[in-house]
Amino acid sequence: MNKSDLIDVLAKELDLPWRKSVEIVETVFDTMTNALVEDERIEFRGFGTFVVREYGGYTGRNPKTGKKLQVMGKKLPFFKVGKDFRERVDGKPDAGG
């Protein structure tokens, strides 16, 4: 499922105009992005957690020339799946029933 699929499902399931669904999805994604930019953690109980991990720079090597080069540090989003979601995807029965 991609972003436009999510918008379509939201519009259909809630009987909303497509434009309103776009606005809702954009608001959610923008809010999540802003939280991660501010180094906040996002948790959806049962679904999973989003955090930003920081990786330090290092000295690398160009594979073609063998020349050493400095690789800058970076921040990358990381998702850790929740137990309930993982079990649903794996097809395991719900622990509650």
PDB file of N, CA and C in Angstrom:
ATOM      1  N   MET A   1       0.853  -1.173   0.000  1.00  0.00           N
ATOM      2  CA  MET A   1       0.000   0.000   0.000  1.00  0.00           C
ATOM      3  C   MET A   1       0.895   1.231   0.000  1.00  0.00           C
ATOM      4  N   ASN A   2       0.568   2.182  -0.855  1.00  0.00           N
ATOM      5  CA  ASN A   2       1.307   3.437  -0.865  1.00  0.00           C
ATOM      6  C   ASN A   2       0.398   4.559  -0.361  1.00  0.00           C
ATOM      7  N   LYS A   3       0.910   5.762  -0.362  1.00  0.00           N
ATOM      8  CA  LYS A   3       0.192   6.905   0.199  1.00  0.00           C
ATOM      9  C   LYS A   3      -1.147   7.144  -0.500  1.00  0.00           C
ATOM     10  N   SER A   4      -1.170   7.081  -1.824  1.00  0.00           N
ATOM     11  CA  SER A   4      -2.423   7.327  -2.539  1.00  0.00           C
ATOM     12  C   SER A   4      -3.437   6.208  -2.276  1.00  0.00           C
ATOM     13  N   ASP A   5      -2.959   4.972  -2.078  1.00  0.00           N
ATOM     14  CA  ASP A   5      -3.862   3.883  -1.703  1.00  0.00           C
ATOM     15  C   ASP A   5      -4.502   4.163  -0.348  1.00  0.00           C
ATOM     16  N   LEU A   6      -3.706   4.643   0.594  1.00  0.00           N
ATOM     17  CA  LEU A   6      -4.207   4.983   1.919  1.00  0.00           C
ATOM     18  C   LEU A   6      -5.270   6.078   1.825  1.00  0.00           C
ATOM     19  N   ILE A   7      -5.013   7.070   1.015  1.00  0.00           N
ATOM     20  CA  ILE A   7      -5.979   8.162   0.818  1.00  0.00           C
ATOM     21  C   ILE A   7      -7.284   7.602   0.245  1.00  0.00           C
ATOM     22  N   ASP A   8      -7.185   6.736  -0.750  1.00  0.00           N
ATOM     23  CA  ASP A   8      -8.373   6.138  -1.363  1.00  0.00           C
ATOM     24  C   ASP A   8      -9.187   5.322  -0.361  1.00  0.00           C
ATOM     25  N   VAL A   9      -8.507   4.502   0.446  1.00  0.00           N
ATOM     26  CA  VAL A   9      -9.196   3.680   1.441  1.00  0.00           C
ATOM     27  C   VAL A   9      -9.879   4.569   2.478  1.00  0.00           C
ATOM     28  N   LEU A  10      -9.199   5.588   2.935  1.00  0.00           N
ATOM     29  CA  LEU A  10      -9.773   6.510   3.913  1.00  0.00           C
ATOM     30  C   LEU A  10     -11.029   7.174   3.355  1.00  0.00           C
ATOM     31  N   ALA A  11     -10.960   7.644   2.132  1.00  0.00           N
ATOM     32  CA  ALA A  11     -12.110   8.293   1.498  1.00  0.00           C
ATOM     33  C   ALA A  11     -13.282   7.327   1.383  1.00  0.00           C
ATOM     34  N   LYS A  12     -12.994   6.096   0.986  1.00  0.00           N
ATOM     35  CA  LYS A  12     -14.058   5.106   0.798  1.00  0.00           C
ATOM     36  C   LYS A  12     -14.660   4.664   2.135  1.00  0.00           C
ATOM     37  N   GLU A  13     -13.795   4.294   3.082  1.00  0.00           N
ATOM     38  CA  GLU A  13     -14.269   3.766   4.364  1.00  0.00           C
ATOM     39  C   GLU A  13     -15.059   4.798   5.173  1.00  0.00           C
ATOM     40  N   LEU A  14     -14.643   6.060   5.108  1.00  0.00           N
ATOM     41  CA  LEU A  14     -15.314   7.100   5.891  1.00  0.00           C
ATOM     42  C   LEU A  14     -16.263   7.942   5.046  1.00  0.00           C
ATOM     43  N   ASP A  15     -16.422   7.558   3.782  1.00  0.00           N
ATOM     44  CA  ASP A  15     -17.296   8.279   2.854  1.00  0.00           C
ATOM     45  C   ASP A  15     -16.961   9.777   2.849  1.00  0.00           C
ATOM     46  N   LEU A  16     -15.683  10.059   2.652  1.00  0.00           N
ATOM     47  CA  LEU A  16     -15.184  11.437   2.619  1.00  0.00           C
ATOM     48  C   LEU A  16     -14.826  11.832   1.198  1.00  0.00           C
ATOM     49  N   PRO A  17     -14.882  13.129   0.917  1.00  0.00           N
ATOM     50  CA  PRO A  17     -14.350  13.579  -0.377  1.00  0.00           C
ATOM     51  C   PRO A  17     -12.858  13.269  -0.445  1.00  0.00           C
ATOM     52  N   TRP A  18     -12.361  12.959  -1.638  1.00  0.00           N
ATOM     53  CA  TRP A  18     -10.958  12.596  -1.810  1.00  0.00           C
ATOM     54  C   TRP A  18     -10.036  13.694  -1.292  1.00  0.00           C
ATOM     55  N   ARG A  19     -10.384  14.955  -1.562  1.00  0.00           N
ATOM     56  CA  ARG A  19      -9.544  16.082  -1.114  1.00  0.00           C
ATOM     57  C   ARG A  19      -9.430  16.133   0.402  1.00  0.00           C
ATOM     58  N   LYS A  20     -10.525  15.828   1.103  1.00  0.00           N
ATOM     59  CA  LYS A  20     -10.505  15.828   2.565  1.00  0.00           C
ATOM     60  C   LYS A  20      -9.608  14.694   3.067  1.00  0.00           C
ATOM     61  N   SER A  21      -9.647  13.554   2.394  1.00  0.00           N
ATOM     62  CA  SER A  21      -8.781  12.434   2.766  1.00  0.00           C
ATOM     63  C   SER A  21      -7.318  12.783   2.568  1.00  0.00           C
ATOM     64  N   VAL A  22      -7.006  13.480   1.482  1.00  0.00           N
ATOM     65  CA  VAL A  22      -5.635  13.936   1.239  1.00  0.00           C
ATOM     66  C   VAL A  22      -5.188  14.834   2.381  1.00  0.00           C
ATOM     67  N   GLU A  23      -6.040  15.751   2.786  1.00  0.00           N
ATOM     68  CA  GLU A  23      -5.717  16.691   3.864  1.00  0.00           C
ATOM     69  C   GLU A  23      -5.445  15.952   5.175  1.00  0.00           C
ATOM     70  N   ILE A  24      -6.256  14.952   5.476  1.00  0.00           N
ATOM     71  CA  ILE A  24      -6.075  14.178   6.714  1.00  0.00           C
ATOM     72  C   ILE A  24      -4.748  13.427   6.688  1.00  0.00           C
ATOM     73  N   VAL A  25      -4.475  12.710   5.593  1.00  0.00           N
ATOM     74  CA  VAL A  25      -3.236  11.932   5.495  1.00  0.00           C
ATOM     75  C   VAL A  25      -2.019  12.852   5.536  1.00  0.00           C
ATOM     76  N   GLU A  26      -2.064  13.963   4.822  1.00  0.00           N
ATOM     77  CA  GLU A  26      -0.951  14.923   4.839  1.00  0.00           C
ATOM     78  C   GLU A  26      -0.719  15.470   6.244  1.00  0.00           C
ATOM     79  N   THR A  27      -1.793  15.752   6.970  1.00  0.00           N
ATOM     80  CA  THR A  27      -1.668  16.270   8.338  1.00  0.00           C
ATOM     81  C   THR A  27      -0.981  15.250   9.237  1.00  0.00           C
ATOM     82  N   VAL A  28      -1.387  13.996   9.128  1.00  0.00           N
ATOM     83  CA  VAL A  28      -0.780  12.940   9.944  1.00  0.00           C
ATOM     84  C   VAL A  28       0.697  12.783   9.599  1.00  0.00           C
ATOM     85  N   PHE A  29       1.002  12.690   8.305  1.00  0.00           N
ATOM     86  CA  PHE A  29       2.396  12.504   7.891  1.00  0.00           C
ATOM     87  C   PHE A  29       3.262  13.709   8.267  1.00  0.00           C
ATOM     88  N   ASP A  30       2.746  14.919   8.074  1.00  0.00           N
ATOM     89  CA  ASP A  30       3.511  16.120   8.435  1.00  0.00           C
ATOM     90  C   ASP A  30       3.782  16.170   9.931  1.00  0.00           C
ATOM     91  N   THR A  31       2.783  15.812  10.728  1.00  0.00           N
ATOM     92  CA  THR A  31       2.949  15.808  12.182  1.00  0.00           C
ATOM     93  C   THR A  31       3.995  14.790  12.607  1.00  0.00           C
ATOM     94  N   MET A  32       3.955  13.604  12.004  1.00  0.00           N
ATOM     95  CA  MET A  32       4.948  12.578  12.316  1.00  0.00           C
ATOM     96  C   MET A  32       6.349  13.029  11.894  1.00  0.00           C
ATOM     97  N   THR A  33       6.457  13.603  10.709  1.00  0.00           N
ATOM     98  CA  THR A  33       7.758  14.075  10.222  1.00  0.00           C
ATOM     99  C   THR A  33       8.327  15.135  11.149  1.00  0.00           C
ATOM    100  N   ASN A  34       7.494  16.086  11.543  1.00  0.00           N
ATOM    101  CA  ASN A  34       7.954  17.155  12.436  1.00  0.00           C
ATOM    102  C   ASN A  34       8.404  16.599  13.779  1.00  0.00           C
ATOM    103  N   ALA A  35       7.689  15.611  14.293  1.00  0.00           N
ATOM    104  CA  ALA A  35       8.079  14.996  15.565  1.00  0.00           C
ATOM    105  C   ALA A  35       9.448  14.326  15.435  1.00  0.00           C
ATOM    106  N   LEU A  36       9.676  13.605  14.346  1.00  0.00           N
ATOM    107  CA  LEU A  36      10.972  12.939  14.158  1.00  0.00           C
ATOM    108  C   LEU A  36      12.094  13.943  13.963  1.00  0.00           C
ATOM    109  N   VAL A  37      11.815  15.045  13.282  1.00  0.00           N
ATOM    110  CA  VAL A  37      12.819  16.106  13.114  1.00  0.00           C
ATOM    111  C   VAL A  37      13.215  16.671  14.474  1.00  0.00           C
ATOM    112  N   GLU A  38      12.258  16.728  15.393  1.00  0.00           N
ATOM    113  CA  GLU A  38      12.520  17.238  16.750  1.00  0.00           C
ATOM    114  C   GLU A  38      13.054  16.155  17.685  1.00  0.00           C
ATOM    115  N   ASP A  39      13.482  15.023  17.120  1.00  0.00           N
ATOM    116  CA  ASP A  39      14.022  13.888  17.884  1.00  0.00           C
ATOM    117  C   ASP A  39      13.020  13.307  18.877  1.00  0.00           C
ATOM    118  N   GLU A  40      11.742  13.395  18.545  1.00  0.00           N
ATOM    119  CA  GLU A  40      10.714  12.775  19.372  1.00  0.00           C
ATOM    120  C   GLU A  40      10.482  11.354  18.871  1.00  0.00           C
ATOM    121  N   ARG A  41       9.985  10.534  19.750  1.00  0.00           N
ATOM    122  CA  ARG A  41       9.666   9.145  19.446  1.00  0.00           C
ATOM    123  C   ARG A  41       8.170   9.066  19.167  1.00  0.00           C
ATOM    124  N   ILE A  42       7.771   8.267  18.174  1.00  0.00           N
ATOM    125  CA  ILE A  42       6.359   8.093  17.849  1.00  0.00           C
ATOM    126  C   ILE A  42       6.002   6.641  18.112  1.00  0.00           C
ATOM    127  N   GLU A  43       4.976   6.427  18.929  1.00  0.00           N
ATOM    128  CA  GLU A  43       4.558   5.061  19.233  1.00  0.00           C
ATOM    129  C   GLU A  43       3.074   4.891  18.969  1.00  0.00           C
ATOM    130  N   PHE A  44       2.754   3.866  18.192  1.00  0.00           N
ATOM    131  CA  PHE A  44       1.377   3.443  17.989  1.00  0.00           C
ATOM    132  C   PHE A  44       1.241   2.109  18.706  1.00  0.00           C
ATOM    133  N   ARG A  45       0.542   2.092  19.823  1.00  0.00           N
ATOM    134  CA  ARG A  45       0.423   0.870  20.627  1.00  0.00           C
ATOM    135  C   ARG A  45      -0.058  -0.282  19.770  1.00  0.00           C
ATOM    136  N   GLY A  46       0.653  -1.379  19.818  1.00  0.00           N
ATOM    137  CA  GLY A  46       0.293  -2.566  19.071  1.00  0.00           C
ATOM    138  C   GLY A  46       0.790  -2.561  17.634  1.00  0.00           C
ATOM    139  N   PHE A  47       1.147  -1.390  17.109  1.00  0.00           N
ATOM    140  CA  PHE A  47       1.616  -1.287  15.727  1.00  0.00           C
ATOM    141  C   PHE A  47       3.133  -1.219  15.670  1.00  0.00           C
ATOM    142  N   GLY A  48       3.696  -0.234  16.371  1.00  0.00           N
ATOM    143  CA  GLY A  48       5.144  -0.114  16.370  1.00  0.00           C
ATOM    144  C   GLY A  48       5.606   1.265  16.775  1.00  0.00           C
ATOM    145  N   THR A  49       6.916   1.459  16.708  1.00  0.00           N
ATOM    146  CA  THR A  49       7.554   2.690  17.159  1.00  0.00           C
ATOM    147  C   THR A  49       8.480   3.227  16.073  1.00  0.00           C
ATOM    148  N   PHE A  50       8.433   4.536  15.877  1.00  0.00           N
ATOM    149  CA  PHE A  50       9.333   5.231  14.958  1.00  0.00           C
ATOM    150  C   PHE A  50      10.291   6.075  15.791  1.00  0.00           C
ATOM    151  N   VAL A  51      11.575   5.996  15.495  1.00  0.00           N
ATOM    152  CA  VAL A  51      12.587   6.836  16.127  1.00  0.00           C
ATOM    153  C   VAL A  51      13.594   7.242  15.057  1.00  0.00           C
ATOM    154  N   VAL A  52      14.421   8.218  15.387  1.00  0.00           N
ATOM    155  CA  VAL A  52      15.518   8.607  14.501  1.00  0.00           C
ATOM    156  C   VAL A  52      16.805   8.117  15.142  1.00  0.00           C
ATOM    157  N   ARG A  53      17.569   7.367  14.385  1.00  0.00           N
ATOM    158  CA  ARG A  53      18.876   6.894  14.853  1.00  0.00           C
ATOM    159  C   ARG A  53      19.957   7.725  14.183  1.00  0.00           C
ATOM    160  N   GLU A  54      20.945   8.071  14.987  1.00  0.00           N
ATOM    161  CA  GLU A  54      22.056   8.872  14.472  1.00  0.00           C
ATOM    162  C   GLU A  54      23.272   7.982  14.277  1.00  0.00           C
ATOM    163  N   TYR A  55      23.873   8.089  13.117  1.00  0.00           N
ATOM    164  CA  TYR A  55      25.063   7.309  12.779  1.00  0.00           C
ATOM    165  C   TYR A  55      26.223   8.274  12.584  1.00  0.00           C
ATOM    166  N   GLY A  56      27.331   8.011  13.248  1.00  0.00           N
ATOM    167  CA  GLY A  56      28.498   8.869  13.153  1.00  0.00           C
ATOM    168  C   GLY A  56      29.231   8.721  11.825  1.00  0.00           C
ATOM    169  N   GLY A  57      30.034   9.710  11.514  1.00  0.00           N
ATOM    170  CA  GLY A  57      30.842   9.665  10.300  1.00  0.00           C
ATOM    171  C   GLY A  57      31.989   8.674  10.432  1.00  0.00           C
ATOM    172  N   TYR A  58      32.579   8.358   9.323  1.00  0.00           N
ATOM    173  CA  TYR A  58      33.704   7.424   9.327  1.00  0.00           C
ATOM    174  C   TYR A  58      34.526   7.624   8.060  1.00  0.00           C
ATOM    175  N   THR A  59      35.702   7.025   8.059  1.00  0.00           N
ATOM    176  CA  THR A  59      36.551   7.071   6.876  1.00  0.00           C
ATOM    177  C   THR A  59      36.243   5.839   6.035  1.00  0.00           C
ATOM    178  N   GLY A  60      35.812   6.084   4.797  1.00  0.00           N
ATOM    179  CA  GLY A  60      35.466   4.999   3.888  1.00  0.00           C
ATOM    180  C   GLY A  60      36.474   4.904   2.762  1.00  0.00           C
ATOM    181  N   ARG A  61      36.145   4.053   1.783  1.00  0.00           N
ATOM    182  CA  ARG A  61      37.031   3.849   0.647  1.00  0.00           C
ATOM    183  C   ARG A  61      36.189   3.785  -0.617  1.00  0.00           C
ATOM    184  N   ASN A  62      36.608   4.515  -1.634  1.00  0.00           N
ATOM    185  CA  ASN A  62      35.959   4.468  -2.928  1.00  0.00           C
ATOM    186  C   ASN A  62      36.247   3.096  -3.534  1.00  0.00           C
ATOM    187  N   PRO A  63      35.201   2.295  -3.833  1.00  0.00           N
ATOM    188  CA  PRO A  63      35.453   0.942  -4.329  1.00  0.00           C
ATOM    189  C   PRO A  63      36.131   0.893  -5.704  1.00  0.00           C
ATOM    190  N   LYS A  64      35.965   1.932  -6.507  1.00  0.00           N
ATOM    191  CA  LYS A  64      36.589   1.935  -7.838  1.00  0.00           C
ATOM    192  C   LYS A  64      38.058   2.336  -7.789  1.00  0.00           C
ATOM    193  N   THR A  65      38.355   3.390  -7.000  1.00  0.00           N
ATOM    194  CA  THR A  65      39.717   3.918  -6.989  1.00  0.00           C
ATOM    195  C   THR A  65      40.530   3.467  -5.784  1.00  0.00           C
ATOM    196  N   GLY A  66      39.844   3.030  -4.728  1.00  0.00           N
ATOM    197  CA  GLY A  66      40.543   2.653  -3.510  1.00  0.00           C
ATOM    198  C   GLY A  66      40.930   3.848  -2.653  1.00  0.00           C
ATOM    199  N   LYS A  67      40.635   5.058  -3.128  1.00  0.00           N
ATOM    200  CA  LYS A  67      40.986   6.280  -2.409  1.00  0.00           C
ATOM    201  C   LYS A  67      40.124   6.433  -1.152  1.00  0.00           C
ATOM    202  N   LYS A  68      40.765   6.837  -0.030  1.00  0.00           N
ATOM    203  CA  LYS A  68      40.043   7.060   1.215  1.00  0.00           C
ATOM    204  C   LYS A  68      39.211   8.338   1.101  1.00  0.00           C
ATOM    205  N   LEU A  69      38.045   8.319   1.753  1.00  0.00           N
ATOM    206  CA  LEU A  69      37.208   9.510   1.784  1.00  0.00           C
ATOM    207  C   LEU A  69      36.445   9.545   3.089  1.00  0.00           C
ATOM    208  N   GLN A  70      36.083  10.747   3.498  1.00  0.00           N
ATOM    209  CA  GLN A  70      35.351  10.932   4.745  1.00  0.00           C
ATOM    210  C   GLN A  70      33.853  10.860   4.466  1.00  0.00           C
ATOM    211  N   VAL A  71      33.172   9.966   5.163  1.00  0.00           N
ATOM    212  CA  VAL A  71      31.721   9.832   5.043  1.00  0.00           C
ATOM    213  C   VAL A  71      31.105  10.574   6.224  1.00  0.00           C
ATOM    214  N   MET A  72      30.218  11.502   5.917  1.00  0.00           N
ATOM    215  CA  MET A  72      29.591  12.320   6.957  1.00  0.00           C
ATOM    216  C   MET A  72      28.581  11.493   7.751  1.00  0.00           C
ATOM    217  N   GLY A  73      28.363  11.885   9.000  1.00  0.00           N
ATOM    218  CA  GLY A  73      27.353  11.247   9.830  1.00  0.00           C
ATOM    219  C   GLY A  73      25.968  11.527   9.265  1.00  0.00           C
ATOM    220  N   LYS A  74      24.996  10.759   9.713  1.00  0.00           N
ATOM    221  CA  LYS A  74      23.636  10.958   9.204  1.00  0.00           C
ATOM    222  C   LYS A  74      22.618  10.504  10.238  1.00  0.00           C
ATOM    223  N   LYS A  75      21.395  10.961  10.040  1.00  0.00           N
ATOM    224  CA  LYS A  75      20.261  10.532  10.849  1.00  0.00           C
ATOM    225  C   LYS A  75      19.298   9.818   9.922  1.00  0.00           C
ATOM    226  N   LEU A  76      18.803   8.671  10.386  1.00  0.00           N
ATOM    227  CA  LEU A  76      17.858   7.909   9.583  1.00  0.00           C
ATOM    228  C   LEU A  76      16.675   7.468  10.432  1.00  0.00           C
ATOM    229  N   PRO A  77      15.461   7.490   9.864  1.00  0.00           N
ATOM    230  CA  PRO A  77      14.307   6.985  10.607  1.00  0.00           C
ATOM    231  C   PRO A  77      14.406   5.470  10.740  1.00  0.00           C
ATOM    232  N   PHE A  78      13.917   4.966  11.863  1.00  0.00           N
ATOM    233  CA  PHE A  78      13.946   3.539  12.137  1.00  0.00           C
ATOM    234  C   PHE A  78      12.584   3.140  12.690  1.00  0.00           C
ATOM    235  N   PHE A  79      12.035   2.020  12.210  1.00  0.00           N
ATOM    236  CA  PHE A  79      10.750   1.521  12.675  1.00  0.00           C
ATOM    237  C   PHE A  79      10.942   0.172  13.342  1.00  0.00           C
ATOM    238  N   LYS A  80      10.396   0.044  14.546  1.00  0.00           N
ATOM    239  CA  LYS A  80      10.409  -1.248  15.233  1.00  0.00           C
ATOM    240  C   LYS A  80       8.963  -1.701  15.358  1.00  0.00           C
ATOM    241  N   VAL A  81       8.656  -2.836  14.744  1.00  0.00           N
ATOM    242  CA  VAL A  81       7.289  -3.341  14.726  1.00  0.00           C
ATOM    243  C   VAL A  81       6.858  -3.784  16.119  1.00  0.00           C
ATOM    244  N   GLY A  82       5.591  -3.547  16.444  1.00  0.00           N
ATOM    245  CA  GLY A  82       5.030  -3.971  17.721  1.00  0.00           C
ATOM    246  C   GLY A  82       4.653  -5.445  17.698  1.00  0.00           C
ATOM    247  N   LYS A  83       4.549  -6.028  18.860  1.00  0.00           N
ATOM    248  CA  LYS A  83       4.270  -7.462  18.987  1.00  0.00           C
ATOM    249  C   LYS A  83       2.914  -7.818  18.371  1.00  0.00           C
ATOM    250  N   ASP A  84       1.875  -7.063  18.674  1.00  0.00           N
ATOM    251  CA  ASP A  84       0.541  -7.377  18.150  1.00  0.00           C
ATOM    252  C   ASP A  84       0.518  -7.330  16.630  1.00  0.00           C
ATOM    253  N   PHE A  85       1.143  -6.313  16.051  1.00  0.00           N
ATOM    254  CA  PHE A  85       1.168  -6.159  14.593  1.00  0.00           C
ATOM    255  C   PHE A  85       1.969  -7.297  13.951  1.00  0.00           C
ATOM    256  N   ARG A  86       3.112  -7.607  14.531  1.00  0.00           N
ATOM    257  CA  ARG A  86       3.954  -8.688  14.014  1.00  0.00           C
ATOM    258  C   ARG A  86       3.185 -10.007  14.008  1.00  0.00           C
ATOM    259  N   GLU A  87       2.455 -10.276  15.084  1.00  0.00           N
ATOM    260  CA  GLU A  87       1.693 -11.524  15.163  1.00  0.00           C
ATOM    261  C   GLU A  87       0.560 -11.560  14.139  1.00  0.00           C
ATOM    262  N   ARG A  88      -0.077 -10.422  13.886  1.00  0.00           N
ATOM    263  CA  ARG A  88      -1.146 -10.375  12.882  1.00  0.00           C
ATOM    264  C   ARG A  88      -0.593 -10.632  11.485  1.00  0.00           C
ATOM    265  N   VAL A  89       0.571 -10.047  11.205  1.00  0.00           N
ATOM    266  CA  VAL A  89       1.192 -10.254   9.901  1.00  0.00           C
ATOM    267  C   VAL A  89       1.647 -11.701   9.747  1.00  0.00           C
ATOM    268  N   ASP A  90       2.157 -12.278  10.811  1.00  0.00           N
ATOM    269  CA  ASP A  90       2.602 -13.672  10.788  1.00  0.00           C
ATOM    270  C   ASP A  90       1.442 -14.653  10.724  1.00  0.00           C
ATOM    271  N   GLY A  91       0.212 -14.168  10.928  1.00  0.00           N
ATOM    272  CA  GLY A  91      -0.963 -15.039  10.863  1.00  0.00           C
ATOM    273  C   GLY A  91      -1.219 -15.814  12.132  1.00  0.00           C
ATOM    274  N   LYS A  92      -0.605 -15.388  13.236  1.00  0.00           N
ATOM    275  CA  LYS A  92      -0.833 -16.066  14.506  1.00  0.00           C
ATOM    276  C   LYS A  92      -2.180 -15.603  15.080  1.00  0.00           C
ATOM    277  N   PRO A  93      -2.870 -16.487  15.788  1.00  0.00           N
ATOM    278  CA  PRO A  93      -4.166 -16.093  16.367  1.00  0.00           C
ATOM    279  C   PRO A  93      -3.990 -15.017  17.412  1.00  0.00           C
ATOM    280  N   ASP A  94      -5.000 -14.191  17.541  1.00  0.00           N
ATOM    281  CA  ASP A  94      -5.008 -13.103  18.516  1.00  0.00           C
ATOM    282  C   ASP A  94      -4.903 -13.686  19.920  1.00  0.00           C
ATOM    283  N   ALA A  95      -4.017 -13.122  20.742  1.00  0.00           N
ATOM    284  CA  ALA A  95      -3.789 -13.631  22.087  1.00  0.00           C
ATOM    285  C   ALA A  95      -5.046 -13.483  22.948  1.00  0.00           C
ATOM    286  N   GLY A  96      -5.897 -12.528  22.630  1.00  0.00           N
ATOM    287  CA  GLY A  96      -7.103 -12.296  23.430  1.00  0.00           C
ATOM    288  C   GLY A  96      -8.252 -13.215  23.089  1.00  0.00           C
ATOM    289  N   GLY A  97      -8.189 -13.970  22.015  1.00  0.00           N
ATOM    290  CA  GLY A  97      -9.362 -14.761  21.700  1.00  0.00           C
ATOM    291  C   GLY A  97      -9.053 -15.783  20.726  1.00  0.00           C
TER     292      GLY A  97
END
